[in-house]
């Protein structure tokens, strides 16, 4: 913080809060944001594919998926989407 402690305490006593309060430097914030956006780009397309598979699976009423016995004693009850 570039402000001295006396100024900080004075502002807090005057207003009852302290704002803005820097949590990190602008350089750190930019580095974290860049990392976040890179991860978002990398995983965004992967998630779309899985979401599409789930929607297709639900719309097909389990058609084309592996049918299994879910413990009811009846074969073909329940379905599993296998990735």
C-alpha atoms as a PDB file:
ATOM      1  CA  UNK A   1       0.000   0.000   0.000  1.00  0.00           C
ATOM      2  CA  UNK A   2       1.279   3.405  -0.863  1.00  0.00           C
ATOM      3  CA  UNK A   3      -0.769   5.157   1.824  1.00  0.00           C
ATOM      4  CA  UNK A   4       0.590   5.487   5.327  1.00  0.00           C
ATOM      5  CA  UNK A   5      -1.135   3.858   8.291  1.00  0.00           C
ATOM      6  CA  UNK A   6      -2.313   7.183   9.756  1.00  0.00           C
ATOM      7  CA  UNK A   7      -4.186   8.030   6.558  1.00  0.00           C
ATOM      8  CA  UNK A   8      -5.711   4.539   6.430  1.00  0.00           C
ATOM      9  CA  UNK A   9      -6.931   4.689  10.045  1.00  0.00           C
ATOM     10  CA  UNK A  10      -8.281   8.207   9.531  1.00  0.00           C
ATOM     11  CA  UNK A  11     -10.293   7.182   6.436  1.00  0.00           C
ATOM     12  CA  UNK A  12     -11.645   4.111   8.247  1.00  0.00           C
ATOM     13  CA  UNK A  13     -12.676   6.148  11.293  1.00  0.00           C
ATOM     14  CA  UNK A  14     -14.296   8.766   9.072  1.00  0.00           C
ATOM     15  CA  UNK A  15     -16.201   6.412   6.745  1.00  0.00           C
ATOM     16  CA  UNK A  16     -16.489   3.156   8.689  1.00  0.00           C
ATOM     17  CA  UNK A  17     -14.897   1.224   5.819  1.00  0.00           C
ATOM     18  CA  UNK A  18     -11.739   1.231   3.748  1.00  0.00           C
ATOM     19  CA  UNK A  19     -12.056   1.209  -0.020  1.00  0.00           C
ATOM     20  CA  UNK A  20     -10.383   0.518  -2.374  1.00  0.00           C
ATOM     21  CA  UNK A  21      -8.115  -2.072  -0.824  1.00  0.00           C
ATOM     22  CA  UNK A  22      -5.506  -3.531  -3.157  1.00  0.00           C
ATOM     23  CA  UNK A  23      -5.273  -7.313  -2.824  1.00  0.00           C
ATOM     24  CA  UNK A  24      -2.467  -7.657  -5.377  1.00  0.00           C
ATOM     25  CA  UNK A  25      -0.464  -5.597  -7.809  1.00  0.00           C
ATOM     26  CA  UNK A  26      -1.835  -4.871 -11.286  1.00  0.00           C
ATOM     27  CA  UNK A  27       0.954  -7.059 -12.708  1.00  0.00           C
ATOM     28  CA  UNK A  28      -0.102 -10.024 -10.540  1.00  0.00           C
ATOM     29  CA  UNK A  29      -3.748  -9.529 -11.486  1.00  0.00           C
ATOM     30  CA  UNK A  30      -2.852  -9.494 -15.187  1.00  0.00           C
ATOM     31  CA  UNK A  31      -0.781 -12.684 -14.843  1.00  0.00           C
ATOM     32  CA  UNK A  32      -3.616 -14.513 -13.040  1.00  0.00           C
ATOM     33  CA  UNK A  33      -6.172 -13.292 -15.546  1.00  0.00           C
ATOM     34  CA  UNK A  34      -4.026 -14.485 -18.451  1.00  0.00           C
ATOM     35  CA  UNK A  35      -3.683 -17.937 -16.847  1.00  0.00           C
ATOM     36  CA  UNK A  36      -7.433 -18.119 -16.209  1.00  0.00           C
ATOM     37  CA  UNK A  37      -8.315 -17.119 -19.769  1.00  0.00           C
ATOM     38  CA  UNK A  38      -5.855 -19.680 -21.191  1.00  0.00           C
ATOM     39  CA  UNK A  39      -7.432 -22.446 -19.092  1.00  0.00           C
ATOM     40  CA  UNK A  40     -10.885 -21.269 -20.123  1.00  0.00           C
ATOM     41  CA  UNK A  41      -9.951 -21.474 -23.819  1.00  0.00           C
ATOM     42  CA  UNK A  42      -8.365 -24.911 -23.375  1.00  0.00           C
ATOM     43  CA  UNK A  43     -11.291 -26.514 -21.550  1.00  0.00           C
ATOM     44  CA  UNK A  44     -14.168 -24.633 -23.151  1.00  0.00           C
ATOM     45  CA  UNK A  45     -14.204 -26.804 -26.277  1.00  0.00           C
ATOM     46  CA  UNK A  46     -13.807 -30.028 -24.298  1.00  0.00           C
ATOM     47  CA  UNK A  47     -16.826 -29.223 -22.125  1.00  0.00           C
ATOM     48  CA  UNK A  48     -18.955 -28.374 -25.172  1.00  0.00           C
ATOM     49  CA  UNK A  49     -18.348 -31.851 -26.590  1.00  0.00           C
ATOM     50  CA  UNK A  50     -19.335 -33.569 -23.347  1.00  0.00           C
ATOM     51  CA  UNK A  51     -22.425 -31.386 -22.943  1.00  0.00           C
ATOM     52  CA  UNK A  52     -23.467 -32.190 -26.505  1.00  0.00           C
ATOM     53  CA  UNK A  53     -23.040 -35.927 -25.825  1.00  0.00           C
ATOM     54  CA  UNK A  54     -25.218 -35.640 -22.706  1.00  0.00           C
ATOM     55  CA  UNK A  55     -27.950 -33.712 -24.552  1.00  0.00           C
ATOM     56  CA  UNK A  56     -27.930 -36.181 -27.438  1.00  0.00           C
ATOM     57  CA  UNK A  57     -28.082 -39.068 -24.985  1.00  0.00           C
ATOM     58  CA  UNK A  58     -31.069 -37.608 -23.141  1.00  0.00           C
ATOM     59  CA  UNK A  59     -32.920 -36.699 -26.347  1.00  0.00           C
ATOM     60  CA  UNK A  60     -32.463 -40.222 -27.710  1.00  0.00           C
ATOM     61  CA  UNK A  61     -34.004 -41.751 -24.605  1.00  0.00           C
ATOM     62  CA  UNK A  62     -30.871 -43.832 -24.069  1.00  0.00           C
ATOM     63  CA  UNK A  63     -30.976 -45.203 -27.620  1.00  0.00           C
ATOM     64  CA  UNK A  64     -27.557 -46.322 -28.693  1.00  0.00           C
ATOM     65  CA  UNK A  65     -26.215 -46.417 -25.166  1.00  0.00           C
ATOM     66  CA  UNK A  66     -25.261 -49.506 -23.271  1.00  0.00           C
ATOM     67  CA  UNK A  67     -28.290 -50.972 -21.524  1.00  0.00           C
ATOM     68  CA  UNK A  68     -27.761 -52.563 -18.133  1.00  0.00           C
ATOM     69  CA  UNK A  69     -29.565 -54.250 -15.290  1.00  0.00           C
ATOM     70  CA  UNK A  70     -29.829 -51.636 -12.534  1.00  0.00           C
ATOM     71  CA  UNK A  71     -30.580 -54.113  -9.773  1.00  0.00           C
ATOM     72  CA  UNK A  72     -34.262 -54.440 -10.626  1.00  0.00           C
ATOM     73  CA  UNK A  73     -33.825 -57.924 -12.010  1.00  0.00           C
ATOM     74  CA  UNK A  74     -34.878 -56.742 -15.458  1.00  0.00           C
ATOM     75  CA  UNK A  75     -32.340 -56.614 -18.232  1.00  0.00           C
ATOM     76  CA  UNK A  76     -32.415 -53.453 -20.335  1.00  0.00           C
ATOM     77  CA  UNK A  77     -33.618 -51.176 -17.533  1.00  0.00           C
ATOM     78  CA  UNK A  78     -31.530 -48.072 -17.050  1.00  0.00           C
ATOM     79  CA  UNK A  79     -28.828 -46.801 -19.326  1.00  0.00           C
ATOM     80  CA  UNK A  80     -25.241 -45.700 -19.098  1.00  0.00           C
ATOM     81  CA  UNK A  81     -23.410 -43.226 -21.262  1.00  0.00           C
ATOM     82  CA  UNK A  82     -19.900 -44.513 -21.750  1.00  0.00           C
ATOM     83  CA  UNK A  83     -17.179 -42.019 -22.690  1.00  0.00           C
END
